[in-house]
Amino acid sequence: MRISLKKLDPSLKNQLKKTFAQAICDLKDIDESDMFLKDFFKETEYEAFAKRMAIAYWLKKGRTYSNIKNNLKVSSATIASIEKDLNKPGFKLILKKTEAEEWANVWSEKIKKFIK
């Protein structure tokens, strides 16, 4: 698929982006989200976005460039590019939500063990 590089009207561009974001928000769970993302993106695109998020998460967790590079099969330049973006509000938000989900899962398992 080839996307035109011609500039869109800024108002239309904003409306398209908001509509796309709203469509993602309207997905009800992880299964619907995964189904949409697998169908919408090419496999390599989906993997690239997932890797970007993993790089950000692992950098925040203190993993080394070498560890990330070897595990995710990405370049140092890619890692450095993501590292520069870590202080952007969107990255901060998604990392905060990911860490909250991780925390909730850990405590859920602890509670399950306690109740048994």
PDB file of N, CA and C in Angstrom:
ATOM      1  N   MET A   1       0.846  -1.179   0.000  1.00  0.00           N
ATOM      2  CA  MET A   1       0.000   0.000   0.000  1.00  0.00           C
ATOM      3  C   MET A   1       0.884   1.233   0.000  1.00  0.00           C
ATOM      4  N   ARG A   2       0.553   2.159  -0.832  1.00  0.00           N
ATOM      5  CA  ARG A   2       1.314   3.402  -0.930  1.00  0.00           C
ATOM      6  C   ARG A   2       0.428   4.553  -0.483  1.00  0.00           C
ATOM      7  N   ILE A   3       0.928   5.338   0.453  1.00  0.00           N
ATOM      8  CA  ILE A   3       0.195   6.496   0.959  1.00  0.00           C
ATOM      9  C   ILE A   3       0.754   7.750   0.290  1.00  0.00           C
ATOM     10  N   SER A   4      -0.113   8.628  -0.127  1.00  0.00           N
ATOM     11  CA  SER A   4       0.303   9.871  -0.765  1.00  0.00           C
ATOM     12  C   SER A   4       1.064  10.752   0.219  1.00  0.00           C
ATOM     13  N   LEU A   5       2.108  11.380  -0.270  1.00  0.00           N
ATOM     14  CA  LEU A   5       2.888  12.306   0.549  1.00  0.00           C
ATOM     15  C   LEU A   5       2.394  13.752   0.398  1.00  0.00           C
ATOM     16  N   LYS A   6       1.317  13.939  -0.361  1.00  0.00           N
ATOM     17  CA  LYS A   6       0.757  15.276  -0.543  1.00  0.00           C
ATOM     18  C   LYS A   6       0.164  15.744   0.775  1.00  0.00           C
ATOM     19  N   LYS A   7       0.335  17.027   1.058  1.00  0.00           N
ATOM     20  CA  LYS A   7      -0.135  17.619   2.312  1.00  0.00           C
ATOM     21  C   LYS A   7      -1.657  17.702   2.353  1.00  0.00           C
ATOM     22  N   LEU A   8      -2.200  17.283   3.489  1.00  0.00           N
ATOM     23  CA  LEU A   8      -3.639  17.408   3.730  1.00  0.00           C
ATOM     24  C   LEU A   8      -3.948  18.775   4.310  1.00  0.00           C
ATOM     25  N   ASP A   9      -5.172  19.189   4.145  1.00  0.00           N
ATOM     26  CA  ASP A   9      -5.657  20.376   4.825  1.00  0.00           C
ATOM     27  C   ASP A   9      -5.482  20.116   6.330  1.00  0.00           C
ATOM     28  N   PRO A  10      -4.881  21.048   7.081  1.00  0.00           N
ATOM     29  CA  PRO A  10      -4.630  20.818   8.514  1.00  0.00           C
ATOM     30  C   PRO A  10      -5.876  20.459   9.312  1.00  0.00           C
ATOM     31  N   SER A  11      -7.002  21.054   9.001  1.00  0.00           N
ATOM     32  CA  SER A  11      -8.240  20.765   9.716  1.00  0.00           C
ATOM     33  C   SER A  11      -8.697  19.323   9.448  1.00  0.00           C
ATOM     34  N   LEU A  12      -8.627  18.905   8.188  1.00  0.00           N
ATOM     35  CA  LEU A  12      -9.001  17.543   7.822  1.00  0.00           C
ATOM     36  C   LEU A  12      -8.022  16.542   8.447  1.00  0.00           C
ATOM     37  N   LYS A  13      -6.752  16.870   8.419  1.00  0.00           N
ATOM     38  CA  LYS A  13      -5.730  16.004   9.018  1.00  0.00           C
ATOM     39  C   LYS A  13      -6.034  15.782  10.503  1.00  0.00           C
ATOM     40  N   ASN A  14      -6.350  16.848  11.209  1.00  0.00           N
ATOM     41  CA  ASN A  14      -6.676  16.764  12.632  1.00  0.00           C
ATOM     42  C   ASN A  14      -7.928  15.912  12.851  1.00  0.00           C
ATOM     43  N   GLN A  15      -8.938  16.114  12.015  1.00  0.00           N
ATOM     44  CA  GLN A  15     -10.176  15.351  12.136  1.00  0.00           C
ATOM     45  C   GLN A  15      -9.921  13.865  11.891  1.00  0.00           C
ATOM     46  N   LEU A  16      -9.123  13.525  10.897  1.00  0.00           N
ATOM     47  CA  LEU A  16      -8.804  12.126  10.601  1.00  0.00           C
ATOM     48  C   LEU A  16      -8.067  11.463  11.765  1.00  0.00           C
ATOM     49  N   LYS A  17      -7.131  12.180  12.342  1.00  0.00           N
ATOM     50  CA  LYS A  17      -6.359  11.634  13.468  1.00  0.00           C
ATOM     51  C   LYS A  17      -7.255  11.419  14.689  1.00  0.00           C
ATOM     52  N   LYS A  18      -8.150  12.368  14.952  1.00  0.00           N
ATOM     53  CA  LYS A  18      -9.071  12.237  16.088  1.00  0.00           C
ATOM     54  C   LYS A  18     -10.031  11.059  15.865  1.00  0.00           C
ATOM     55  N   THR A  19     -10.511  10.904  14.643  1.00  0.00           N
ATOM     56  CA  THR A  19     -11.411   9.792  14.327  1.00  0.00           C
ATOM     57  C   THR A  19     -10.699   8.457  14.518  1.00  0.00           C
ATOM     58  N   PHE A  20      -9.454   8.374  14.069  1.00  0.00           N
ATOM     59  CA  PHE A  20      -8.665   7.155  14.237  1.00  0.00           C
ATOM     60  C   PHE A  20      -8.458   6.858  15.725  1.00  0.00           C
ATOM     61  N   ALA A  21      -8.091   7.869  16.503  1.00  0.00           N
ATOM     62  CA  ALA A  21      -7.885   7.694  17.944  1.00  0.00           C
ATOM     63  C   ALA A  21      -9.181   7.258  18.624  1.00  0.00           C
ATOM     64  N   GLN A  22     -10.310   7.849  18.226  1.00  0.00           N
ATOM     65  CA  GLN A  22     -11.600   7.476  18.816  1.00  0.00           C
ATOM     66  C   GLN A  22     -11.950   6.034  18.477  1.00  0.00           C
ATOM     67  N   ALA A  23     -11.669   5.612  17.249  1.00  0.00           N
ATOM     68  CA  ALA A  23     -11.950   4.232  16.851  1.00  0.00           C
ATOM     69  C   ALA A  23     -11.164   3.258  17.732  1.00  0.00           C
ATOM     70  N   ILE A  24      -9.925   3.583  18.035  1.00  0.00           N
ATOM     71  CA  ILE A  24      -9.120   2.725  18.910  1.00  0.00           C
ATOM     72  C   ILE A  24      -9.712   2.713  20.323  1.00  0.00           C
ATOM     73  N   CYS A  25     -10.127   3.870  20.813  1.00  0.00           N
ATOM     74  CA  CYS A  25     -10.750   3.945  22.148  1.00  0.00           C
ATOM     75  C   CYS A  25     -12.022   3.115  22.226  1.00  0.00           C
ATOM     76  N   ASP A  26     -12.729   2.992  21.130  1.00  0.00           N
ATOM     77  CA  ASP A  26     -14.001   2.275  21.118  1.00  0.00           C
ATOM     78  C   ASP A  26     -13.849   0.758  21.125  1.00  0.00           C
ATOM     79  N   LEU A  27     -12.636   0.262  20.913  1.00  0.00           N
ATOM     80  CA  LEU A  27     -12.419  -1.181  20.991  1.00  0.00           C
ATOM     81  C   LEU A  27     -12.577  -1.608  22.439  1.00  0.00           C
ATOM     82  N   LYS A  28     -13.312  -2.698  22.685  1.00  0.00           N
ATOM     83  CA  LYS A  28     -13.720  -3.008  24.052  1.00  0.00           C
ATOM     84  C   LYS A  28     -12.707  -3.779  24.888  1.00  0.00           C
ATOM     85  N   ASP A  29     -11.789  -4.507  24.244  1.00  0.00           N
ATOM     86  CA  ASP A  29     -10.835  -5.273  25.040  1.00  0.00           C
ATOM     87  C   ASP A  29      -9.592  -5.595  24.219  1.00  0.00           C
ATOM     88  N   ILE A  30      -8.662  -6.311  24.852  1.00  0.00           N
ATOM     89  CA  ILE A  30      -7.385  -6.612  24.201  1.00  0.00           C
ATOM     90  C   ILE A  30      -7.571  -7.471  22.955  1.00  0.00           C
ATOM     91  N   ASP A  31      -8.544  -8.383  22.968  1.00  0.00           N
ATOM     92  CA  ASP A  31      -8.771  -9.237  21.808  1.00  0.00           C
ATOM     93  C   ASP A  31      -9.257  -8.428  20.601  1.00  0.00           C
ATOM     94  N   GLU A  32     -10.190  -7.510  20.836  1.00  0.00           N
ATOM     95  CA  GLU A  32     -10.655  -6.644  19.745  1.00  0.00           C
ATOM     96  C   GLU A  32      -9.519  -5.758  19.242  1.00  0.00           C
ATOM     97  N   SER A  33      -8.743  -5.232  20.176  1.00  0.00           N
ATOM     98  CA  SER A  33      -7.629  -4.357  19.797  1.00  0.00           C
ATOM     99  C   SER A  33      -6.604  -5.113  18.958  1.00  0.00           C
ATOM    100  N   ASP A  34      -6.247  -6.312  19.413  1.00  0.00           N
ATOM    101  CA  ASP A  34      -5.268  -7.116  18.692  1.00  0.00           C
ATOM    102  C   ASP A  34      -5.795  -7.483  17.306  1.00  0.00           C
ATOM    103  N   MET A  35      -7.066  -7.851  17.207  1.00  0.00           N
ATOM    104  CA  MET A  35      -7.661  -8.207  15.917  1.00  0.00           C
ATOM    105  C   MET A  35      -7.584  -7.014  14.957  1.00  0.00           C
ATOM    106  N   PHE A  36      -7.961  -5.836  15.459  1.00  0.00           N
ATOM    107  CA  PHE A  36      -7.914  -4.640  14.621  1.00  0.00           C
ATOM    108  C   PHE A  36      -6.478  -4.343  14.178  1.00  0.00           C
ATOM    109  N   LEU A  37      -5.548  -4.340  15.129  1.00  0.00           N
ATOM    110  CA  LEU A  37      -4.167  -3.989  14.804  1.00  0.00           C
ATOM    111  C   LEU A  37      -3.547  -4.982  13.822  1.00  0.00           C
ATOM    112  N   LYS A  38      -3.839  -6.270  13.986  1.00  0.00           N
ATOM    113  CA  LYS A  38      -3.314  -7.285  13.055  1.00  0.00           C
ATOM    114  C   LYS A  38      -3.872  -7.077  11.649  1.00  0.00           C
ATOM    115  N   ASP A  39      -5.144  -6.699  11.555  1.00  0.00           N
ATOM    116  CA  ASP A  39      -5.758  -6.488  10.241  1.00  0.00           C
ATOM    117  C   ASP A  39      -5.375  -5.152   9.625  1.00  0.00           C
ATOM    118  N   PHE A  40      -5.222  -4.145  10.464  1.00  0.00           N
ATOM    119  CA  PHE A  40      -4.980  -2.785   9.972  1.00  0.00           C
ATOM    120  C   PHE A  40      -3.533  -2.572   9.526  1.00  0.00           C
ATOM    121  N   PHE A  41      -2.599  -3.042  10.349  1.00  0.00           N
ATOM    122  CA  PHE A  41      -1.177  -2.874  10.039  1.00  0.00           C
ATOM    123  C   PHE A  41      -0.623  -4.107   9.354  1.00  0.00           C
ATOM    124  N   LYS A  42       0.375  -3.912   8.528  1.00  0.00           N
ATOM    125  CA  LYS A  42       1.144  -5.042   8.028  1.00  0.00           C
ATOM    126  C   LYS A  42       1.880  -5.625   9.235  1.00  0.00           C
ATOM    127  N   GLU A  43       2.240  -6.899   9.177  1.00  0.00           N
ATOM    128  CA  GLU A  43       2.908  -7.561  10.296  1.00  0.00           C
ATOM    129  C   GLU A  43       4.157  -6.795  10.730  1.00  0.00           C
ATOM    130  N   THR A  44       4.939  -6.313   9.769  1.00  0.00           N
ATOM    131  CA  THR A  44       6.176  -5.591  10.112  1.00  0.00           C
ATOM    132  C   THR A  44       5.877  -4.253  10.784  1.00  0.00           C
ATOM    133  N   GLU A  45       4.793  -3.592  10.379  1.00  0.00           N
ATOM    134  CA  GLU A  45       4.417  -2.327  11.000  1.00  0.00           C
ATOM    135  C   GLU A  45       3.976  -2.552  12.445  1.00  0.00           C
ATOM    136  N   TYR A  46       3.152  -3.555  12.653  1.00  0.00           N
ATOM    137  CA  TYR A  46       2.655  -3.881  13.992  1.00  0.00           C
ATOM    138  C   TYR A  46       3.833  -4.222  14.907  1.00  0.00           C
ATOM    139  N   GLU A  47       4.745  -5.030  14.401  1.00  0.00           N
ATOM    140  CA  GLU A  47       5.926  -5.407  15.178  1.00  0.00           C
ATOM    141  C   GLU A  47       6.785  -4.186  15.495  1.00  0.00           C
ATOM    142  N   ALA A  48       6.939  -3.288  14.537  1.00  0.00           N
ATOM    143  CA  ALA A  48       7.753  -2.089  14.747  1.00  0.00           C
ATOM    144  C   ALA A  48       7.174  -1.226  15.873  1.00  0.00           C
ATOM    145  N   PHE A  49       5.844  -1.042  15.878  1.00  0.00           N
ATOM    146  CA  PHE A  49       5.217  -0.258  16.938  1.00  0.00           C
ATOM    147  C   PHE A  49       5.360  -0.951  18.293  1.00  0.00           C
ATOM    148  N   ALA A  50       5.181  -2.264  18.306  1.00  0.00           N
ATOM    149  CA  ALA A  50       5.327  -3.028  19.555  1.00  0.00           C
ATOM    150  C   ALA A  50       6.759  -2.929  20.075  1.00  0.00           C
ATOM    151  N   LYS A  51       7.737  -2.985  19.167  1.00  0.00           N
ATOM    152  CA  LYS A  51       9.141  -2.863  19.575  1.00  0.00           C
ATOM    153  C   LYS A  51       9.425  -1.476  20.151  1.00  0.00           C
ATOM    154  N   ARG A  52       8.866  -0.442  19.533  1.00  0.00           N
ATOM    155  CA  ARG A  52       9.077   0.924  20.054  1.00  0.00           C
ATOM    156  C   ARG A  52       8.595   1.028  21.492  1.00  0.00           C
ATOM    157  N   MET A  53       7.434   0.451  21.760  1.00  0.00           N
ATOM    158  CA  MET A  53       6.905   0.495  23.116  1.00  0.00           C
ATOM    159  C   MET A  53       7.784  -0.323  24.063  1.00  0.00           C
ATOM    160  N   ALA A  54       8.235  -1.484  23.608  1.00  0.00           N
ATOM    161  CA  ALA A  54       9.099  -2.332  24.434  1.00  0.00           C
ATOM    162  C   ALA A  54      10.420  -1.634  24.736  1.00  0.00           C
ATOM    163  N   ILE A  55      10.982  -0.960  23.757  1.00  0.00           N
ATOM    164  CA  ILE A  55      12.233  -0.222  23.967  1.00  0.00           C
ATOM    165  C   ILE A  55      12.029   0.827  25.054  1.00  0.00           C
ATOM    166  N   ALA A  56      10.968   1.598  24.935  1.00  0.00           N
ATOM    167  CA  ALA A  56      10.688   2.641  25.929  1.00  0.00           C
ATOM    168  C   ALA A  56      10.528   2.031  27.322  1.00  0.00           C
ATOM    169  N   TYR A  57       9.763   0.965  27.406  1.00  0.00           N
ATOM    170  CA  TYR A  57       9.505   0.296  28.684  1.00  0.00           C
ATOM    171  C   TYR A  57      10.803  -0.238  29.283  1.00  0.00           C
ATOM    172  N   TRP A  58      11.590  -0.915  28.473  1.00  0.00           N
ATOM    173  CA  TRP A  58      12.840  -1.501  28.982  1.00  0.00           C
ATOM    174  C   TRP A  58      13.859  -0.431  29.364  1.00  0.00           C
ATOM    175  N   LEU A  59      13.902   0.665  28.614  1.00  0.00           N
ATOM    176  CA  LEU A  59      14.795   1.761  29.002  1.00  0.00           C
ATOM    177  C   LEU A  59      14.379   2.304  30.364  1.00  0.00           C
ATOM    178  N   LYS A  60      13.081   2.489  30.547  1.00  0.00           N
ATOM    179  CA  LYS A  60      12.578   2.997  31.833  1.00  0.00           C
ATOM    180  C   LYS A  60      12.903   2.039  32.975  1.00  0.00           C
ATOM    181  N   LYS A  61      12.926   0.742  32.666  1.00  0.00           N
ATOM    182  CA  LYS A  61      13.250  -0.279  33.665  1.00  0.00           C
ATOM    183  C   LYS A  61      14.758  -0.414  33.899  1.00  0.00           C
ATOM    184  N   GLY A  62      15.560   0.318  33.130  1.00  0.00           N
ATOM    185  CA  GLY A  62      17.005   0.323  33.350  1.00  0.00           C
ATOM    186  C   GLY A  62      17.809  -0.689  32.546  1.00  0.00           C
ATOM    187  N   ARG A  63      17.188  -1.298  31.565  1.00  0.00           N
ATOM    188  CA  ARG A  63      17.942  -2.247  30.737  1.00  0.00           C
ATOM    189  C   ARG A  63      18.963  -1.496  29.888  1.00  0.00           C
ATOM    190  N   THR A  64      20.051  -2.179  29.577  1.00  0.00           N
ATOM    191  CA  THR A  64      21.124  -1.573  28.792  1.00  0.00           C
ATOM    192  C   THR A  64      20.789  -1.598  27.303  1.00  0.00           C
ATOM    193  N   TYR A  65      21.478  -0.738  26.564  1.00  0.00           N
ATOM    194  CA  TYR A  65      21.328  -0.730  25.111  1.00  0.00           C
ATOM    195  C   TYR A  65      21.642  -2.121  24.565  1.00  0.00           C
ATOM    196  N   SER A  66      22.708  -2.718  25.063  1.00  0.00           N
ATOM    197  CA  SER A  66      23.140  -4.029  24.578  1.00  0.00           C
ATOM    198  C   SER A  66      22.049  -5.076  24.788  1.00  0.00           C
ATOM    199  N   ASN A  67      21.438  -5.069  25.959  1.00  0.00           N
ATOM    200  CA  ASN A  67      20.374  -6.023  26.263  1.00  0.00           C
ATOM    201  C   ASN A  67      19.188  -5.824  25.329  1.00  0.00           C
ATOM    202  N   ILE A  68      18.787  -4.584  25.162  1.00  0.00           N
ATOM    203  CA  ILE A  68      17.641  -4.273  24.299  1.00  0.00           C
ATOM    204  C   ILE A  68      17.959  -4.636  22.849  1.00  0.00           C
ATOM    205  N   LYS A  69      19.146  -4.259  22.415  1.00  0.00           N
ATOM    206  CA  LYS A  69      19.577  -4.524  21.040  1.00  0.00           C
ATOM    207  C   LYS A  69      19.560  -6.020  20.738  1.00  0.00           C
ATOM    208  N   ASN A  70      20.085  -6.814  21.650  1.00  0.00           N
ATOM    209  CA  ASN A  70      20.155  -8.259  21.436  1.00  0.00           C
ATOM    210  C   ASN A  70      18.790  -8.929  21.505  1.00  0.00           C
ATOM    211  N   ASN A  71      17.950  -8.506  22.422  1.00  0.00           N
ATOM    212  CA  ASN A  71      16.640  -9.135  22.588  1.00  0.00           C
ATOM    213  C   ASN A  71      15.635  -8.719  21.518  1.00  0.00           C
ATOM    214  N   LEU A  72      15.616  -7.451  21.177  1.00  0.00           N
ATOM    215  CA  LEU A  72      14.613  -6.955  20.234  1.00  0.00           C
ATOM    216  C   LEU A  72      15.113  -6.854  18.798  1.00  0.00           C
ATOM    217  N   LYS A  73      16.408  -7.099  18.607  1.00  0.00           N
ATOM    218  CA  LYS A  73      17.003  -7.051  17.257  1.00  0.00           C
ATOM    219  C   LYS A  73      16.784  -5.685  16.617  1.00  0.00           C
ATOM    220  N   VAL A  74      17.176  -4.644  17.369  1.00  0.00           N
ATOM    221  CA  VAL A  74      17.085  -3.271  16.884  1.00  0.00           C
ATOM    222  C   VAL A  74      18.462  -2.634  16.962  1.00  0.00           C
ATOM    223  N   SER A  75      18.626  -1.516  16.294  1.00  0.00           N
ATOM    224  CA  SER A  75      19.916  -0.829  16.289  1.00  0.00           C
ATOM    225  C   SER A  75      20.038   0.115  17.483  1.00  0.00           C
ATOM    226  N   SER A  76      21.265   0.481  17.779  1.00  0.00           N
ATOM    227  CA  SER A  76      21.516   1.470  18.833  1.00  0.00           C
ATOM    228  C   SER A  76      20.871   2.806  18.473  1.00  0.00           C
ATOM    229  N   ALA A  77      20.859   3.118  17.184  1.00  0.00           N
ATOM    230  CA  ALA A  77      20.243   4.372  16.734  1.00  0.00           C
ATOM    231  C   ALA A  77      18.738   4.379  17.031  1.00  0.00           C
ATOM    232  N   THR A  78      18.087   3.249  16.837  1.00  0.00           N
ATOM    233  CA  THR A  78      16.658   3.153  17.133  1.00  0.00           C
ATOM    234  C   THR A  78      16.416   3.342  18.627  1.00  0.00           C
ATOM    235  N   ILE A  79      17.243   2.711  19.435  1.00  0.00           N
ATOM    236  CA  ILE A  79      17.104   2.829  20.895  1.00  0.00           C
ATOM    237  C   ILE A  79      17.315   4.283  21.311  1.00  0.00           C
ATOM    238  N   ALA A  80      18.351   4.922  20.768  1.00  0.00           N
ATOM    239  CA  ALA A  80      18.644   6.321  21.101  1.00  0.00           C
ATOM    240  C   ALA A  80      17.482   7.233  20.696  1.00  0.00           C
ATOM    241  N   SER A  81      16.874   6.943  19.556  1.00  0.00           N
ATOM    242  CA  SER A  81      15.742   7.738  19.081  1.00  0.00           C
ATOM    243  C   SER A  81      14.566   7.635  20.056  1.00  0.00           C
ATOM    244  N   ILE A  82      14.285   6.429  20.515  1.00  0.00           N
ATOM    245  CA  ILE A  82      13.192   6.229  21.473  1.00  0.00           C
ATOM    246  C   ILE A  82      13.544   6.887  22.810  1.00  0.00           C
ATOM    247  N   GLU A  83      14.800   6.764  23.211  1.00  0.00           N
ATOM    248  CA  GLU A  83      15.224   7.344  24.487  1.00  0.00           C
ATOM    249  C   GLU A  83      14.981   8.853  24.507  1.00  0.00           C
ATOM    250  N   LYS A  84      15.177   9.514  23.369  1.00  0.00           N
ATOM    251  CA  LYS A  84      14.928  10.958  23.288  1.00  0.00           C
ATOM    252  C   LYS A  84      13.453  11.296  23.473  1.00  0.00           C
ATOM    253  N   ASP A  85      12.592  10.340  23.130  1.00  0.00           N
ATOM    254  CA  ASP A  85      11.147  10.572  23.211  1.00  0.00           C
ATOM    255  C   ASP A  85      10.542  10.248  24.570  1.00  0.00           C
ATOM    256  N   LEU A  86      11.308   9.673  25.482  1.00  0.00           N
ATOM    257  CA  LEU A  86      10.763   9.209  26.761  1.00  0.00           C
ATOM    258  C   LEU A  86      10.113  10.307  27.601  1.00  0.00           C
ATOM    259  N   ASN A  87      10.531  11.552  27.428  1.00  0.00           N
ATOM    260  CA  ASN A  87       9.954  12.634  28.219  1.00  0.00           C
ATOM    261  C   ASN A  87       8.749  13.301  27.557  1.00  0.00           C
ATOM    262  N   LYS A  88       8.365  12.795  26.390  1.00  0.00           N
ATOM    263  CA  LYS A  88       7.167  13.330  25.734  1.00  0.00           C
ATOM    264  C   LYS A  88       5.941  12.847  26.512  1.00  0.00           C
ATOM    265  N   PRO A  89       4.909  13.679  26.601  1.00  0.00           N
ATOM    266  CA  PRO A  89       3.729  13.334  27.402  1.00  0.00           C
ATOM    267  C   PRO A  89       3.071  12.002  27.014  1.00  0.00           C
ATOM    268  N   GLY A  90       2.994  11.700  25.729  1.00  0.00           N
ATOM    269  CA  GLY A  90       2.366  10.462  25.289  1.00  0.00           C
ATOM    270  C   GLY A  90       3.137   9.236  25.744  1.00  0.00           C
ATOM    271  N   PHE A  91       4.461   9.312  25.653  1.00  0.00           N
ATOM    272  CA  PHE A  91       5.299   8.201  26.117  1.00  0.00           C
ATOM    273  C   PHE A  91       5.159   8.043  27.624  1.00  0.00           C
ATOM    274  N   LYS A  92       5.195   9.154  28.344  1.00  0.00           N
ATOM    275  CA  LYS A  92       5.048   9.087  29.802  1.00  0.00           C
ATOM    276  C   LYS A  92       3.718   8.440  30.186  1.00  0.00           C
ATOM    277  N   LEU A  93       2.661   8.828  29.486  1.00  0.00           N
ATOM    278  CA  LEU A  93       1.326   8.309  29.784  1.00  0.00           C
ATOM    279  C   LEU A  93       1.251   6.799  29.548  1.00  0.00           C
ATOM    280  N   ILE A  94       1.717   6.335  28.396  1.00  0.00           N
ATOM    281  CA  ILE A  94       1.597   4.912  28.092  1.00  0.00           C
ATOM    282  C   ILE A  94       2.491   4.079  29.006  1.00  0.00           C
ATOM    283  N   LEU A  95       3.653   4.603  29.375  1.00  0.00           N
ATOM    284  CA  LEU A  95       4.531   3.874  30.299  1.00  0.00           C
ATOM    285  C   LEU A  95       3.908   3.807  31.689  1.00  0.00           C
ATOM    286  N   LYS A  96       3.268   4.893  32.099  1.00  0.00           N
ATOM    287  CA  LYS A  96       2.589   4.909  33.396  1.00  0.00           C
ATOM    288  C   LYS A  96       1.460   3.883  33.418  1.00  0.00           C
ATOM    289  N   LYS A  97       0.692   3.827  32.339  1.00  0.00           N
ATOM    290  CA  LYS A  97      -0.405   2.864  32.257  1.00  0.00           C
ATOM    291  C   LYS A  97       0.125   1.431  32.200  1.00  0.00           C
ATOM    292  N   THR A  98       1.207   1.213  31.494  1.00  0.00           N
ATOM    293  CA  THR A  98       1.805  -0.121  31.405  1.00  0.00           C
ATOM    294  C   THR A  98       2.317  -0.560  32.768  1.00  0.00           C
ATOM    295  N   GLU A  99       2.963   0.343  33.475  1.00  0.00           N
ATOM    296  CA  GLU A  99       3.471   0.008  34.815  1.00  0.00           C
ATOM    297  C   GLU A  99       2.316  -0.238  35.792  1.00  0.00           C
ATOM    298  N   ALA A 100       1.236   0.513  35.664  1.00  0.00           N
ATOM    299  CA  ALA A 100       0.073   0.301  36.535  1.00  0.00           C
ATOM    300  C   ALA A 100      -0.540  -1.072  36.269  1.00  0.00           C
ATOM    301  N   GLU A 101      -0.619  -1.447  35.010  1.00  0.00           N
ATOM    302  CA  GLU A 101      -1.149  -2.770  34.652  1.00  0.00           C
ATOM    303  C   GLU A 101      -0.250  -3.873  35.196  1.00  0.00           C
ATOM    304  N   GLU A 102       1.047  -3.667  35.080  1.00  0.00           N
ATOM    305  CA  GLU A 102       2.016  -4.638  35.604  1.00  0.00           C
ATOM    306  C   GLU A 102       1.850  -4.768  37.124  1.00  0.00           C
ATOM    307  N   TRP A 103       1.735  -3.647  37.805  1.00  0.00           N
ATOM    308  CA  TRP A 103       1.555  -3.635  39.261  1.00  0.00           C
ATOM    309  C   TRP A 103       0.273  -4.369  39.634  1.00  0.00           C
ATOM    310  N   ALA A 104      -0.809  -4.088  38.906  1.00  0.00           N
ATOM    311  CA  ALA A 104      -2.096  -4.735  39.188  1.00  0.00           C
ATOM    312  C   ALA A 104      -2.003  -6.247  38.997  1.00  0.00           C
ATOM    313  N   ASN A 105      -1.306  -6.684  37.969  1.00  0.00           N
ATOM    314  CA  ASN A 105      -1.149  -8.125  37.726  1.00  0.00           C
ATOM    315  C   ASN A 105      -0.353  -8.800  38.831  1.00  0.00           C
ATOM    316  N   VAL A 106       0.701  -8.150  39.301  1.00  0.00           N
ATOM    317  CA  VAL A 106       1.520  -8.706  40.383  1.00  0.00           C
ATOM    318  C   VAL A 106       0.673  -8.863  41.646  1.00  0.00           C
ATOM    319  N   TRP A 107      -0.056  -7.820  42.001  1.00  0.00           N
ATOM    320  CA  TRP A 107      -0.876  -7.881  43.213  1.00  0.00           C
ATOM    321  C   TRP A 107      -2.046  -8.835  43.066  1.00  0.00           C
ATOM    322  N   SER A 108      -2.580  -8.947  41.885  1.00  0.00           N
ATOM    323  CA  SER A 108      -3.658  -9.907  41.649  1.00  0.00           C
ATOM    324  C   SER A 108      -3.174 -11.331  41.920  1.00  0.00           C
ATOM    325  N   GLU A 109      -1.986 -11.647  41.458  1.00  0.00           N
ATOM    326  CA  GLU A 109      -1.420 -12.977  41.697  1.00  0.00           C
ATOM    327  C   GLU A 109      -1.152 -13.205  43.183  1.00  0.00           C
ATOM    328  N   LYS A 110      -0.649 -12.178  43.870  1.00  0.00           N
ATOM    329  CA  LYS A 110      -0.387 -12.299  45.306  1.00  0.00           C
ATOM    330  C   LYS A 110      -1.681 -12.539  46.076  1.00  0.00           C
ATOM    331  N   ILE A 111      -2.731 -11.825  45.692  1.00  0.00           N
ATOM    332  CA  ILE A 111      -4.026 -11.977  46.363  1.00  0.00           C
ATOM    333  C   ILE A 111      -4.590 -13.368  46.105  1.00  0.00           C
ATOM    334  N   LYS A 112      -4.470 -13.851  44.869  1.00  0.00           N
ATOM    335  CA  LYS A 112      -4.954 -15.201  44.540  1.00  0.00           C
ATOM    336  C   LYS A 112      -4.242 -16.241  45.406  1.00  0.00           C
ATOM    337  N   LYS A 113      -2.937 -16.109  45.577  1.00  0.00           N
ATOM    338  CA  LYS A 113      -2.163 -17.053  46.400  1.00  0.00           C
ATOM    339  C   LYS A 113      -2.596 -16.973  47.849  1.00  0.00           C
ATOM    340  N   PHE A 114      -2.864 -15.766  48.322  1.00  0.00           N
ATOM    341  CA  PHE A 114      -3.267 -15.559  49.720  1.00  0.00           C
ATOM    342  C   PHE A 114      -4.630 -16.189  49.981  1.00  0.00           C
ATOM    343  N   ILE A 115      -5.550 -16.035  49.034  1.00  0.00           N
ATOM    344  CA  ILE A 115      -6.909 -16.540  49.201  1.00  0.00           C
ATOM    345  C   ILE A 115      -6.944 -18.063  49.154  1.00  0.00           C
ATOM    346  N   LYS A 116      -6.080 -18.672  48.373  1.00  0.00           N
ATOM    347  CA  LYS A 116      -6.051 -20.136  48.265  1.00  0.00           C
ATOM    348  C   LYS A 116      -5.547 -20.688  49.529  1.00  0.00           C
TER     349      LYS A 116
END
